[in-house]
Amino acid sequence: MMGSRISGWGTCLPEGVLDNETLAAQVGVTPEWIVERTGISERRIASDEETVSSLAAKASVEALQVAGLEPTDVDTVILATFTADYAIPAAAPLVASSIGARGAAAYDLNAGCAGFLYALAQADALVAAGTARRVLVAGSDVMSRCVDYTDARTCILFGDGAGAVVLEACEGPSRLGPFRLGSDGSDPELLWVRPDTGMIAMQGREVYRRAVEAMTTSVREVLAGSGLTVDDIDLLVAHQANARILTAVGTRLGIDNDKVVTNIARVGNTSAASIPLALAEAASDGRIADGDVVMLAAFGAGFTWGAGVLRWGAPVTDPTVEEKRGAVHA
């Protein structure tokens, strides 16, 4: 039986910083007002030279380095984004060529802020089907190019960035899944890029209500389908939409605050990049150990949503893991 595991992770954040003081003065609010409603203190803003594909490429190179792989080892690149460089071509082939993985299958996936979770589930399915062995999964969005910086209801939320992981085939059960994915496209105008302006518009209260409900329900369904309980969750890595949403989801599920990864204060809502950015930060900070059960959850425009289980590290049957743990073999 062939499964998959995450073997590498990487991030890329633009150098440009837009802090609350600057933004508050621009839209006629106070920095404290922004923090109270979002939990955000600053967000990163891409330069004119930075694009979805360039940010994703840098995050991908870092992920491959962590995994100890060469770009030529990658056979598939999936890029979650809705702000791609062009309408066509997709950004994923640009990333593949940029990092030296020319010839790899490459395509974009648009599920809004839930895009990375959807892409991860798809990558796991490709490995399980034998279609791929090493999949680079990235989330990258340049939100600043579709944000109206005169609208205090939306511009305070969003930032730019990219994150990536490497999924590799492994013997035995997959270290990912089960996943629960869902959608409801009956009210697109609740959160959309307006066709007449090209700018994001949303009805915040309704988005908040639906996001909390959808992510909470999805996590519970995944737990029921996997035989796990809330107590088995070592870390919750949810889409960094709003600090209040993260708190509400954790509270409803009964997960301690110290188990909920929150980095939105420093990067804002980075759409499809938010989960890989938060996951990579937790991994680099040592908050995740081999064998930990990480619950992923997301909600985005569409509406799209979902949750999935990630068991960190290689399967225990992998001899390299036993050696790293200091096991003695007779």
C-alpha atoms as a PDB file:
ATOM      1  CA  MET A   1       0.000   0.000   0.000  1.00  0.00           C
ATOM      2  CA  MET A   2       1.365   3.382  -1.015  1.00  0.00           C
ATOM      3  CA  GLY A   3       0.724   6.471   1.057  1.00  0.00           C
ATOM      4  CA  SER A   4       2.214   9.954   1.249  1.00  0.00           C
ATOM      5  CA  ARG A   5       3.936  12.146   3.798  1.00  0.00           C
ATOM      6  CA  ILE A   6       5.168  15.715   4.028  1.00  0.00           C
ATOM      7  CA  SER A   7       8.960  15.771   3.846  1.00  0.00           C
ATOM      8  CA  GLY A   8       9.710  19.454   3.279  1.00  0.00           C
ATOM      9  CA  TRP A   9       8.250  22.910   3.759  1.00  0.00           C
ATOM     10  CA  GLY A  10       9.145  26.455   2.823  1.00  0.00           C
ATOM     11  CA  THR A  11       7.852  30.028   2.864  1.00  0.00           C
ATOM     12  CA  CYS A  12       8.312  33.327   1.126  1.00  0.00           C
ATOM     13  CA  LEU A  13       7.098  36.667   2.435  1.00  0.00           C
ATOM     14  CA  PRO A  14       7.677  39.964   0.612  1.00  0.00           C
ATOM     15  CA  GLU A  15       9.991  42.410   2.344  1.00  0.00           C
ATOM     16  CA  GLY A  16       7.471  45.234   2.147  1.00  0.00           C
ATOM     17  CA  VAL A  17       5.521  45.764   5.384  1.00  0.00           C
ATOM     18  CA  LEU A  18       2.253  47.660   5.762  1.00  0.00           C
ATOM     19  CA  ASP A  19       1.699  48.292   9.466  1.00  0.00           C
ATOM     20  CA  ASN A  20      -1.490  49.341  11.192  1.00  0.00           C
ATOM     21  CA  GLU A  21      -0.284  52.866  11.854  1.00  0.00           C
ATOM     22  CA  THR A  22       0.182  53.554   8.149  1.00  0.00           C
ATOM     23  CA  LEU A  23      -3.001  51.800   7.067  1.00  0.00           C
ATOM     24  CA  ALA A  24      -5.148  53.301   9.831  1.00  0.00           C
ATOM     25  CA  ALA A  25      -4.183  56.837   8.847  1.00  0.00           C
ATOM     26  CA  GLN A  26      -4.997  56.031   5.239  1.00  0.00           C
ATOM     27  CA  VAL A  27      -8.545  54.750   5.874  1.00  0.00           C
ATOM     28  CA  GLY A  28      -9.501  56.936   8.845  1.00  0.00           C
ATOM     29  CA  VAL A  29      -9.495  54.421  11.698  1.00  0.00           C
ATOM     30  CA  THR A  30      -7.151  53.728  14.604  1.00  0.00           C
ATOM     31  CA  PRO A  31      -4.522  50.969  14.834  1.00  0.00           C
ATOM     32  CA  GLU A  32      -6.350  49.643  17.897  1.00  0.00           C
ATOM     33  CA  TRP A  33      -9.587  49.385  15.886  1.00  0.00           C
ATOM     34  CA  ILE A  34      -7.847  47.129  13.376  1.00  0.00           C
ATOM     35  CA  VAL A  35      -6.352  44.854  16.035  1.00  0.00           C
ATOM     36  CA  GLU A  36      -9.647  44.588  17.906  1.00  0.00           C
ATOM     37  CA  ARG A  37     -11.503  43.395  14.805  1.00  0.00           C
ATOM     38  CA  THR A  38      -8.851  41.244  13.154  1.00  0.00           C
ATOM     39  CA  GLY A  39      -5.935  40.515  15.483  1.00  0.00           C
ATOM     40  CA  ILE A  40      -3.620  41.852  12.768  1.00  0.00           C
ATOM     41  CA  SER A  41      -0.776  44.287  13.445  1.00  0.00           C
ATOM     42  CA  GLU A  42       0.946  44.240  10.050  1.00  0.00           C
ATOM     43  CA  ARG A  43       0.888  42.512   6.700  1.00  0.00           C
ATOM     44  CA  ARG A  44       3.405  41.963   3.891  1.00  0.00           C
ATOM     45  CA  ILE A  45       2.957  43.660   0.527  1.00  0.00           C
ATOM     46  CA  ALA A  46       4.577  42.468  -2.700  1.00  0.00           C
ATOM     47  CA  SER A  47       6.676  44.841  -4.773  1.00  0.00           C
ATOM     48  CA  ASP A  48       5.924  45.523  -8.434  1.00  0.00           C
ATOM     49  CA  GLU A  49       8.555  42.929  -9.379  1.00  0.00           C
ATOM     50  CA  GLU A  50       7.094  40.180  -7.163  1.00  0.00           C
ATOM     51  CA  THR A  51       4.377  37.884  -8.464  1.00  0.00           C
ATOM     52  CA  VAL A  52       2.404  34.840  -7.382  1.00  0.00           C
ATOM     53  CA  SER A  53       4.802  32.596  -9.296  1.00  0.00           C
ATOM     54  CA  SER A  54       8.004  34.269  -8.046  1.00  0.00           C
ATOM     55  CA  LEU A  55       6.892  34.038  -4.405  1.00  0.00           C
ATOM     56  CA  ALA A  56       5.772  30.425  -4.876  1.00  0.00           C
ATOM     57  CA  ALA A  57       9.067  29.527  -6.547  1.00  0.00           C
ATOM     58  CA  LYS A  58      11.106  30.806  -3.594  1.00  0.00           C
ATOM     59  CA  ALA A  59       8.922  28.926  -1.108  1.00  0.00           C
ATOM     60  CA  SER A  60       9.194  25.793  -3.252  1.00  0.00           C
ATOM     61  CA  VAL A  61      12.988  25.902  -3.437  1.00  0.00           C
ATOM     62  CA  GLU A  62      13.123  26.132   0.354  1.00  0.00           C
ATOM     63  CA  ALA A  63      10.717  23.196   0.704  1.00  0.00           C
ATOM     64  CA  LEU A  64      12.849  21.056  -1.609  1.00  0.00           C
ATOM     65  CA  GLN A  65      15.984  21.926   0.369  1.00  0.00           C
ATOM     66  CA  VAL A  66      14.310  20.817   3.614  1.00  0.00           C
ATOM     67  CA  ALA A  67      13.220  17.577   1.916  1.00  0.00           C
ATOM     68  CA  GLY A  68      16.726  16.984   0.564  1.00  0.00           C
ATOM     69  CA  LEU A  69      15.457  16.766  -3.021  1.00  0.00           C
ATOM     70  CA  GLU A  70      16.420  18.246  -6.356  1.00  0.00           C
ATOM     71  CA  PRO A  71      13.868  20.059  -8.537  1.00  0.00           C
ATOM     72  CA  THR A  72      14.214  17.266 -11.098  1.00  0.00           C
ATOM     73  CA  ASP A  73      12.847  14.843  -8.483  1.00  0.00           C
ATOM     74  CA  VAL A  74       9.446  16.575  -8.627  1.00  0.00           C
ATOM     75  CA  ASP A  75       6.913  15.040 -11.001  1.00  0.00           C
ATOM     76  CA  THR A  76       3.894  17.271 -10.216  1.00  0.00           C
ATOM     77  CA  VAL A  77       3.407  20.892  -9.138  1.00  0.00           C
ATOM     78  CA  ILE A  78       0.024  22.057  -7.827  1.00  0.00           C
ATOM     79  CA  LEU A  79      -0.334  25.750  -7.064  1.00  0.00           C
ATOM     80  CA  ALA A  80      -3.337  27.001  -5.110  1.00  0.00           C
ATOM     81  CA  THR A  81      -4.082  30.617  -6.023  1.00  0.00           C
ATOM     82  CA  PHE A  82      -6.731  32.957  -7.377  1.00  0.00           C
ATOM     83  CA  THR A  83      -4.368  35.839  -8.155  1.00  0.00           C
ATOM     84  CA  ALA A  84      -2.160  34.137 -10.755  1.00  0.00           C
ATOM     85  CA  ASP A  85       0.237  36.226 -12.838  1.00  0.00           C
ATOM     86  CA  TYR A  86      -1.936  35.837 -15.942  1.00  0.00           C
ATOM     87  CA  ALA A  87      -5.356  34.495 -16.889  1.00  0.00           C
ATOM     88  CA  ILE A  88      -3.326  32.051 -18.977  1.00  0.00           C
ATOM     89  CA  PRO A  89      -0.859  30.490 -18.701  1.00  0.00           C
ATOM     90  CA  ALA A  90      -1.366  29.105 -15.216  1.00  0.00           C
ATOM     91  CA  ALA A  91       1.235  30.090 -12.655  1.00  0.00           C
ATOM     92  CA  ALA A  92       2.247  26.518 -11.760  1.00  0.00           C
ATOM     93  CA  PRO A  93       4.151  25.836 -15.019  1.00  0.00           C
ATOM     94  CA  LEU A  94       6.021  29.109 -14.469  1.00  0.00           C
ATOM     95  CA  VAL A  95       6.995  27.922 -10.994  1.00  0.00           C
ATOM     96  CA  ALA A  96       8.076  24.521 -12.296  1.00  0.00           C
ATOM     97  CA  SER A  97      10.316  26.070 -14.943  1.00  0.00           C
ATOM     98  CA  SER A  98      11.682  28.687 -12.553  1.00  0.00           C
ATOM     99  CA  ILE A  99      12.868  26.118 -10.015  1.00  0.00           C
ATOM    100  CA  GLY A 100      14.232  23.678 -12.596  1.00  0.00           C
ATOM    101  CA  ALA A 101      11.387  21.159 -12.666  1.00  0.00           C
ATOM    102  CA  ARG A 102      10.596  21.543 -16.360  1.00  0.00           C
ATOM    103  CA  GLY A 103       8.628  18.608 -17.662  1.00  0.00           C
ATOM    104  CA  ALA A 104       6.727  18.084 -14.430  1.00  0.00           C
ATOM    105  CA  ALA A 105       2.939  18.139 -14.583  1.00  0.00           C
ATOM    106  CA  ALA A 106       1.852  21.553 -13.335  1.00  0.00           C
ATOM    107  CA  TYR A 107      -1.492  23.243 -12.843  1.00  0.00           C
ATOM    108  CA  ASP A 108      -3.287  25.854 -10.735  1.00  0.00           C
ATOM    109  CA  LEU A 109      -6.187  25.187  -8.395  1.00  0.00           C
ATOM    110  CA  ASN A 110      -8.611  27.922  -7.351  1.00  0.00           C
ATOM    111  CA  ALA A 111     -10.643  27.263  -4.218  1.00  0.00           C
ATOM    112  CA  GLY A 112     -10.050  30.667  -2.647  1.00  0.00           C
ATOM    113  CA  CYS A 113      -8.605  30.622   0.845  1.00  0.00           C
ATOM    114  CA  ALA A 114      -9.293  26.872   1.049  1.00  0.00           C
ATOM    115  CA  GLY A 115      -7.154  26.248  -2.033  1.00  0.00           C
ATOM    116  CA  PHE A 116      -4.118  24.794  -0.297  1.00  0.00           C
ATOM    117  CA  LEU A 117      -6.203  22.243   1.596  1.00  0.00           C
ATOM    118  CA  TYR A 118      -7.929  21.184  -1.631  1.00  0.00           C
ATOM    119  CA  ALA A 119      -4.551  20.921  -3.371  1.00  0.00           C
ATOM    120  CA  LEU A 120      -3.092  18.851  -0.552  1.00  0.00           C
ATOM    121  CA  ALA A 121      -5.991  16.399  -0.709  1.00  0.00           C
ATOM    122  CA  GLN A 122      -5.562  16.129  -4.464  1.00  0.00           C
ATOM    123  CA  ALA A 123      -1.825  15.572  -4.178  1.00  0.00           C
ATOM    124  CA  ASP A 124      -2.388  12.773  -1.665  1.00  0.00           C
ATOM    125  CA  ALA A 125      -4.878  11.168  -4.058  1.00  0.00           C
ATOM    126  CA  LEU A 126      -2.380  11.372  -6.945  1.00  0.00           C
ATOM    127  CA  VAL A 127       0.228   9.548  -4.879  1.00  0.00           C
ATOM    128  CA  ALA A 128      -2.281   6.934  -3.729  1.00  0.00           C
ATOM    129  CA  ALA A 129      -3.294   6.324  -7.343  1.00  0.00           C
ATOM    130  CA  GLY A 130       0.319   5.871  -8.412  1.00  0.00           C
ATOM    131  CA  THR A 131       0.131   8.894 -10.729  1.00  0.00           C
ATOM    132  CA  ALA A 132       2.836  10.803  -8.834  1.00  0.00           C
ATOM    133  CA  ARG A 133       5.554  10.084  -6.299  1.00  0.00           C
ATOM    134  CA  ARG A 134       6.781  13.561  -5.374  1.00  0.00           C
ATOM    135  CA  VAL A 135       4.339  16.448  -5.494  1.00  0.00           C
ATOM    136  CA  LEU A 136       5.162  20.066  -4.767  1.00  0.00           C
ATOM    137  CA  VAL A 137       2.069  21.724  -3.293  1.00  0.00           C
ATOM    138  CA  ALA A 138       2.152  25.506  -2.953  1.00  0.00           C
ATOM    139  CA  GLY A 139      -0.245  28.231  -1.929  1.00  0.00           C
ATOM    140  CA  SER A 140       0.505  31.744  -3.142  1.00  0.00           C
ATOM    141  CA  ASP A 141      -1.596  34.878  -3.420  1.00  0.00           C
ATOM    142  CA  VAL A 142      -0.848  38.539  -3.995  1.00  0.00           C
ATOM    143  CA  MET A 143      -3.943  39.925  -2.328  1.00  0.00           C
ATOM    144  CA  SER A 144      -2.767  43.534  -2.412  1.00  0.00           C
ATOM    145  CA  ARG A 145      -3.574  43.720  -6.129  1.00  0.00           C
ATOM    146  CA  CYS A 146      -7.289  43.123  -5.617  1.00  0.00           C
ATOM    147  CA  VAL A 147      -7.799  45.061  -2.374  1.00  0.00           C
ATOM    148  CA  ASP A 148      -9.491  48.439  -2.245  1.00  0.00           C
ATOM    149  CA  TYR A 149      -7.306  50.499   0.096  1.00  0.00           C
ATOM    150  CA  THR A 150     -10.135  52.941   0.695  1.00  0.00           C
ATOM    151  CA  ASP A 151     -12.402  50.219   2.125  1.00  0.00           C
ATOM    152  CA  ALA A 152     -11.572  49.781   5.824  1.00  0.00           C
ATOM    153  CA  ARG A 153     -13.744  46.661   6.035  1.00  0.00           C
ATOM    154  CA  THR A 154     -11.484  44.646   3.736  1.00  0.00           C
ATOM    155  CA  CYS A 155      -8.084  46.281   3.265  1.00  0.00           C
ATOM    156  CA  ILE A 156      -7.141  45.785   6.923  1.00  0.00           C
ATOM    157  CA  LEU A 157      -7.303  42.009   6.510  1.00  0.00           C
ATOM    158  CA  PHE A 158      -5.166  40.950   3.603  1.00  0.00           C
ATOM    159  CA  GLY A 159      -1.481  40.433   2.933  1.00  0.00           C
ATOM    160  CA  ASP A 160       0.753  38.742   0.355  1.00  0.00           C
ATOM    161  CA  GLY A 161       2.855  35.609   0.654  1.00  0.00           C
ATOM    162  CA  ALA A 162       3.534  32.019  -0.351  1.00  0.00           C
ATOM    163  CA  GLY A 163       4.103  28.677   1.329  1.00  0.00           C
ATOM    164  CA  ALA A 164       4.899  25.232  -0.044  1.00  0.00           C
ATOM    165  CA  VAL A 165       5.283  21.624   1.034  1.00  0.00           C
ATOM    166  CA  VAL A 166       6.725  18.526  -0.594  1.00  0.00           C
ATOM    167  CA  LEU A 167       4.574  15.405  -0.574  1.00  0.00           C
ATOM    168  CA  GLU A 168       6.464  12.145  -1.063  1.00  0.00           C
ATOM    169  CA  ALA A 169       5.250   8.602  -1.530  1.00  0.00           C
ATOM    170  CA  CYS A 170       5.902   6.261   1.386  1.00  0.00           C
ATOM    171  CA  GLU A 171       5.231   2.611   2.086  1.00  0.00           C
ATOM    172  CA  GLY A 172       2.190   1.859   4.208  1.00  0.00           C
ATOM    173  CA  PRO A 173      -0.806   3.986   5.137  1.00  0.00           C
ATOM    174  CA  SER A 174      -0.793   7.622   4.120  1.00  0.00           C
ATOM    175  CA  ARG A 175       0.253  10.171   6.705  1.00  0.00           C
ATOM    176  CA  LEU A 176      -2.471  12.427   5.333  1.00  0.00           C
ATOM    177  CA  GLY A 177      -6.238  12.121   5.548  1.00  0.00           C
ATOM    178  CA  PRO A 178      -9.011  11.610   5.780  1.00  0.00           C
ATOM    179  CA  PHE A 179     -10.148  14.882   4.248  1.00  0.00           C
ATOM    180  CA  ARG A 180     -13.596  16.438   4.251  1.00  0.00           C
ATOM    181  CA  LEU A 181     -14.180  19.038   1.544  1.00  0.00           C
ATOM    182  CA  GLY A 182     -17.349  21.002   0.806  1.00  0.00           C
ATOM    183  CA  SER A 183     -18.776  23.975  -1.043  1.00  0.00           C
ATOM    184  CA  ASP A 184     -21.831  26.185  -1.397  1.00  0.00           C
ATOM    185  CA  GLY A 185     -21.964  28.504  -4.381  1.00  0.00           C
ATOM    186  CA  SER A 186     -25.457  29.878  -3.773  1.00  0.00           C
ATOM    187  CA  ASP A 187     -24.311  33.295  -2.480  1.00  0.00           C
ATOM    188  CA  PRO A 188     -21.051  34.229  -4.241  1.00  0.00           C
ATOM    189  CA  GLU A 189     -21.494  37.947  -3.570  1.00  0.00           C
ATOM    190  CA  LEU A 190     -20.947  37.379   0.155  1.00  0.00           C
ATOM    191  CA  LEU A 191     -17.214  37.125  -0.594  1.00  0.00           C
ATOM    192  CA  TRP A 192     -16.010  37.825  -4.094  1.00  0.00           C
ATOM    193  CA  VAL A 193     -13.895  39.937  -6.379  1.00  0.00           C
ATOM    194  CA  ARG A 194     -16.475  42.269  -7.878  1.00  0.00           C
ATOM    195  CA  PRO A 195     -16.562  41.936 -11.668  1.00  0.00           C
ATOM    196  CA  ASP A 196     -17.140  45.681 -12.094  1.00  0.00           C
ATOM    197  CA  THR A 197     -14.220  46.847  -9.935  1.00  0.00           C
ATOM    198  CA  GLY A 198     -11.839  43.907  -9.754  1.00  0.00           C
ATOM    199  CA  MET A 199     -11.676  44.444  -5.977  1.00  0.00           C
ATOM    200  CA  ILE A 200     -12.585  42.201  -3.051  1.00  0.00           C
ATOM    201  CA  ALA A 201     -15.925  42.841  -1.375  1.00  0.00           C
ATOM    202  CA  MET A 202     -17.521  40.867   1.416  1.00  0.00           C
ATOM    203  CA  GLN A 203     -20.236  40.855   4.027  1.00  0.00           C
ATOM    204  CA  GLY A 204     -18.072  40.314   7.077  1.00  0.00           C
ATOM    205  CA  ARG A 205     -20.602  39.171   9.665  1.00  0.00           C
ATOM    206  CA  GLU A 206     -22.093  36.495   7.442  1.00  0.00           C
ATOM    207  CA  VAL A 207     -18.671  35.298   6.317  1.00  0.00           C
ATOM    208  CA  TYR A 208     -17.607  35.064   9.962  1.00  0.00           C
ATOM    209  CA  ARG A 209     -20.678  33.009  10.875  1.00  0.00           C
ATOM    210  CA  ARG A 210     -20.332  30.611   7.966  1.00  0.00           C
ATOM    211  CA  ALA A 211     -16.565  30.234   8.363  1.00  0.00           C
ATOM    212  CA  VAL A 212     -16.800  29.254  12.029  1.00  0.00           C
ATOM    213  CA  GLU A 213     -19.652  26.837  11.372  1.00  0.00           C
ATOM    214  CA  ALA A 214     -18.087  25.200   8.302  1.00  0.00           C
ATOM    215  CA  MET A 215     -14.624  24.678   9.787  1.00  0.00           C
ATOM    216  CA  THR A 216     -15.994  23.407  13.100  1.00  0.00           C
ATOM    217  CA  THR A 217     -18.335  20.966  11.383  1.00  0.00           C
ATOM    218  CA  SER A 218     -15.630  19.763   8.979  1.00  0.00           C
ATOM    219  CA  VAL A 219     -13.187  19.041  11.786  1.00  0.00           C
ATOM    220  CA  ARG A 220     -15.830  17.078  13.673  1.00  0.00           C
ATOM    221  CA  GLU A 221     -16.653  15.058  10.560  1.00  0.00           C
ATOM    222  CA  VAL A 222     -12.992  14.272   9.963  1.00  0.00           C
ATOM    223  CA  LEU A 223     -12.575  13.184  13.575  1.00  0.00           C
ATOM    224  CA  ALA A 224     -15.615  10.912  13.306  1.00  0.00           C
ATOM    225  CA  GLY A 225     -14.304   9.393  10.087  1.00  0.00           C
ATOM    226  CA  SER A 226     -10.809   8.777  11.409  1.00  0.00           C
ATOM    227  CA  GLY A 227     -11.603   7.362  14.837  1.00  0.00           C
ATOM    228  CA  LEU A 228      -9.799  10.258  16.496  1.00  0.00           C
ATOM    229  CA  THR A 229     -11.081  12.592  19.203  1.00  0.00           C
ATOM    230  CA  VAL A 230     -10.393  16.243  19.944  1.00  0.00           C
ATOM    231  CA  ASP A 231      -7.962  15.103  22.639  1.00  0.00           C
ATOM    232  CA  ASP A 232      -5.866  13.396  19.938  1.00  0.00           C
ATOM    233  CA  ILE A 233      -5.233  16.697  18.153  1.00  0.00           C
ATOM    234  CA  ASP A 234      -1.767  18.002  18.970  1.00  0.00           C
ATOM    235  CA  LEU A 235      -2.081  21.137  16.835  1.00  0.00           C
ATOM    236  CA  LEU A 236      -4.800  22.939  14.877  1.00  0.00           C
ATOM    237  CA  VAL A 237      -3.543  24.759  11.790  1.00  0.00           C
ATOM    238  CA  ALA A 238      -6.495  26.639  10.323  1.00  0.00           C
ATOM    239  CA  HIS A 239      -6.749  29.273   7.627  1.00  0.00           C
ATOM    240  CA  GLN A 240      -5.632  32.568   9.130  1.00  0.00           C
ATOM    241  CA  ALA A 241      -8.720  34.537   8.147  1.00  0.00           C
ATOM    242  CA  ASN A 242      -9.250  36.542  11.309  1.00  0.00           C
ATOM    243  CA  ALA A 243      -8.027  36.051  14.878  1.00  0.00           C
ATOM    244  CA  ARG A 244     -11.597  36.030  16.177  1.00  0.00           C
ATOM    245  CA  ILE A 245     -12.522  33.225  13.784  1.00  0.00           C
ATOM    246  CA  LEU A 246      -9.558  31.148  14.943  1.00  0.00           C
ATOM    247  CA  THR A 247     -10.526  31.660  18.581  1.00  0.00           C
ATOM    248  CA  ALA A 248     -14.164  30.796  17.912  1.00  0.00           C
ATOM    249  CA  VAL A 249     -13.297  27.574  16.072  1.00  0.00           C
ATOM    250  CA  GLY A 250     -10.910  26.458  18.813  1.00  0.00           C
ATOM    251  CA  THR A 251     -13.458  27.240  21.519  1.00  0.00           C
ATOM    252  CA  ARG A 252     -16.291  25.384  19.791  1.00  0.00           C
ATOM    253  CA  LEU A 253     -14.107  22.333  19.312  1.00  0.00           C
ATOM    254  CA  GLY A 254     -12.754  22.453  22.838  1.00  0.00           C
ATOM    255  CA  ILE A 255      -9.123  22.823  21.733  1.00  0.00           C
ATOM    256  CA  ASP A 256      -6.768  24.654  24.082  1.00  0.00           C
ATOM    257  CA  ASN A 257      -5.501  27.993  22.780  1.00  0.00           C
ATOM    258  CA  ASP A 258      -1.893  26.830  22.975  1.00  0.00           C
ATOM    259  CA  LYS A 259      -2.718  24.154  20.398  1.00  0.00           C
ATOM    260  CA  VAL A 260      -4.079  26.657  17.868  1.00  0.00           C
ATOM    261  CA  VAL A 261      -1.415  28.049  15.535  1.00  0.00           C
ATOM    262  CA  THR A 262      -1.851  31.799  15.045  1.00  0.00           C
ATOM    263  CA  ASN A 263       0.479  33.940  12.958  1.00  0.00           C
ATOM    264  CA  ILE A 264      -2.072  36.330  11.484  1.00  0.00           C
ATOM    265  CA  ALA A 265      -0.825  39.241  13.609  1.00  0.00           C
ATOM    266  CA  ARG A 266       2.351  39.462  11.535  1.00  0.00           C
ATOM    267  CA  VAL A 267       1.215  38.417   8.060  1.00  0.00           C
ATOM    268  CA  GLY A 268      -2.537  39.043   7.827  1.00  0.00           C
ATOM    269  CA  ASN A 269      -4.879  36.913   5.754  1.00  0.00           C
ATOM    270  CA  THR A 270      -2.763  35.560   2.890  1.00  0.00           C
ATOM    271  CA  SER A 271      -5.547  33.465   1.331  1.00  0.00           C
ATOM    272  CA  ALA A 272      -4.228  30.158  -0.100  1.00  0.00           C
ATOM    273  CA  ALA A 273      -0.802  30.811   1.426  1.00  0.00           C
ATOM    274  CA  SER A 274      -2.028  31.015   5.013  1.00  0.00           C
ATOM    275  CA  ILE A 275      -2.072  27.314   5.949  1.00  0.00           C
ATOM    276  CA  PRO A 276       1.353  26.444   4.485  1.00  0.00           C
ATOM    277  CA  LEU A 277       2.826  29.593   6.056  1.00  0.00           C
ATOM    278  CA  ALA A 278       1.435  28.698   9.491  1.00  0.00           C
ATOM    279  CA  LEU A 279       2.379  25.034   9.133  1.00  0.00           C
ATOM    280  CA  ALA A 280       5.950  25.818   8.103  1.00  0.00           C
ATOM    281  CA  GLU A 281       6.334  28.295  10.950  1.00  0.00           C
ATOM    282  CA  ALA A 282       5.133  25.715  13.484  1.00  0.00           C
ATOM    283  CA  ALA A 283       7.483  23.088  12.047  1.00  0.00           C
ATOM    284  CA  SER A 284      10.486  25.420  12.035  1.00  0.00           C
ATOM    285  CA  ASP A 285       9.750  26.554  15.600  1.00  0.00           C
ATOM    286  CA  GLY A 286       9.657  22.969  16.860  1.00  0.00           C
ATOM    287  CA  ARG A 287       5.959  23.067  17.705  1.00  0.00           C
ATOM    288  CA  ILE A 288       5.385  19.867  15.713  1.00  0.00           C
ATOM    289  CA  ALA A 289       7.127  16.598  16.558  1.00  0.00           C
ATOM    290  CA  ASP A 290       7.210  13.277  14.717  1.00  0.00           C
ATOM    291  CA  GLY A 291       3.981  11.404  15.333  1.00  0.00           C
ATOM    292  CA  ASP A 292       1.936  14.509  16.118  1.00  0.00           C
ATOM    293  CA  VAL A 293      -1.606  14.708  14.809  1.00  0.00           C
ATOM    294  CA  VAL A 294      -2.128  18.051  13.070  1.00  0.00           C
ATOM    295  CA  MET A 295      -5.650  19.078  12.104  1.00  0.00           C
ATOM    296  CA  LEU A 296      -5.931  21.356   9.083  1.00  0.00           C
ATOM    297  CA  ALA A 297      -9.053  23.437   8.451  1.00  0.00           C
ATOM    298  CA  ALA A 298      -9.958  26.084   5.892  1.00  0.00           C
ATOM    299  CA  PHE A 299     -12.745  28.286   4.591  1.00  0.00           C
ATOM    300  CA  GLY A 300     -12.749  30.470   1.529  1.00  0.00           C
ATOM    301  CA  ALA A 301     -14.720  32.234  -1.159  1.00  0.00           C
ATOM    302  CA  GLY A 302     -17.048  30.054  -3.128  1.00  0.00           C
ATOM    303  CA  PHE A 303     -17.889  29.198  -0.449  1.00  0.00           C
ATOM    304  CA  THR A 304     -15.347  26.376  -0.147  1.00  0.00           C
ATOM    305  CA  TRP A 305     -14.244  24.701   3.040  1.00  0.00           C
ATOM    306  CA  GLY A 306     -12.794  21.573   4.535  1.00  0.00           C
ATOM    307  CA  ALA A 307     -10.579  19.846   7.054  1.00  0.00           C
ATOM    308  CA  GLY A 308      -8.012  17.080   7.012  1.00  0.00           C
ATOM    309  CA  VAL A 309      -5.673  15.136   9.254  1.00  0.00           C
ATOM    310  CA  LEU A 310      -1.908  15.355   8.888  1.00  0.00           C
ATOM    311  CA  ARG A 311       0.263  12.924  10.837  1.00  0.00           C
ATOM    312  CA  TRP A 312       3.665  14.516  11.073  1.00  0.00           C
ATOM    313  CA  GLY A 313       6.833  12.716  10.056  1.00  0.00           C
ATOM    314  CA  ALA A 314       7.607   9.496   8.249  1.00  0.00           C
ATOM    315  CA  PRO A 315       5.862   6.204   9.063  1.00  0.00           C
ATOM    316  CA  VAL A 316       7.440   4.447  12.018  1.00  0.00           C
ATOM    317  CA  THR A 317       8.333   1.545   9.723  1.00  0.00           C
ATOM    318  CA  ASP A 318      10.776   3.847   7.900  1.00  0.00           C
ATOM    319  CA  PRO A 319      14.251   2.829   9.161  1.00  0.00           C
ATOM    320  CA  THR A 320      15.577   6.371   8.827  1.00  0.00           C
ATOM    321  CA  VAL A 321      13.038   7.512  11.400  1.00  0.00           C
ATOM    322  CA  GLU A 322      14.037   4.783  13.812  1.00  0.00           C
ATOM    323  CA  GLU A 323      17.688   5.767  13.427  1.00  0.00           C
ATOM    324  CA  LYS A 324      16.875   9.430  14.071  1.00  0.00           C
ATOM    325  CA  ARG A 325      14.990   8.432  17.200  1.00  0.00           C
ATOM    326  CA  GLY A 326      18.019   6.535  18.419  1.00  0.00           C
ATOM    327  CA  ALA A 327      16.434   3.094  18.201  1.00  0.00           C
ATOM    328  CA  VAL A 328      18.734   0.104  18.622  1.00  0.00           C
ATOM    329  CA  HIS A 329      18.329  -2.727  16.116  1.00  0.00           C
ATOM    330  CA  ALA A 330      19.509  -6.211  17.068  1.00  0.00           C
END
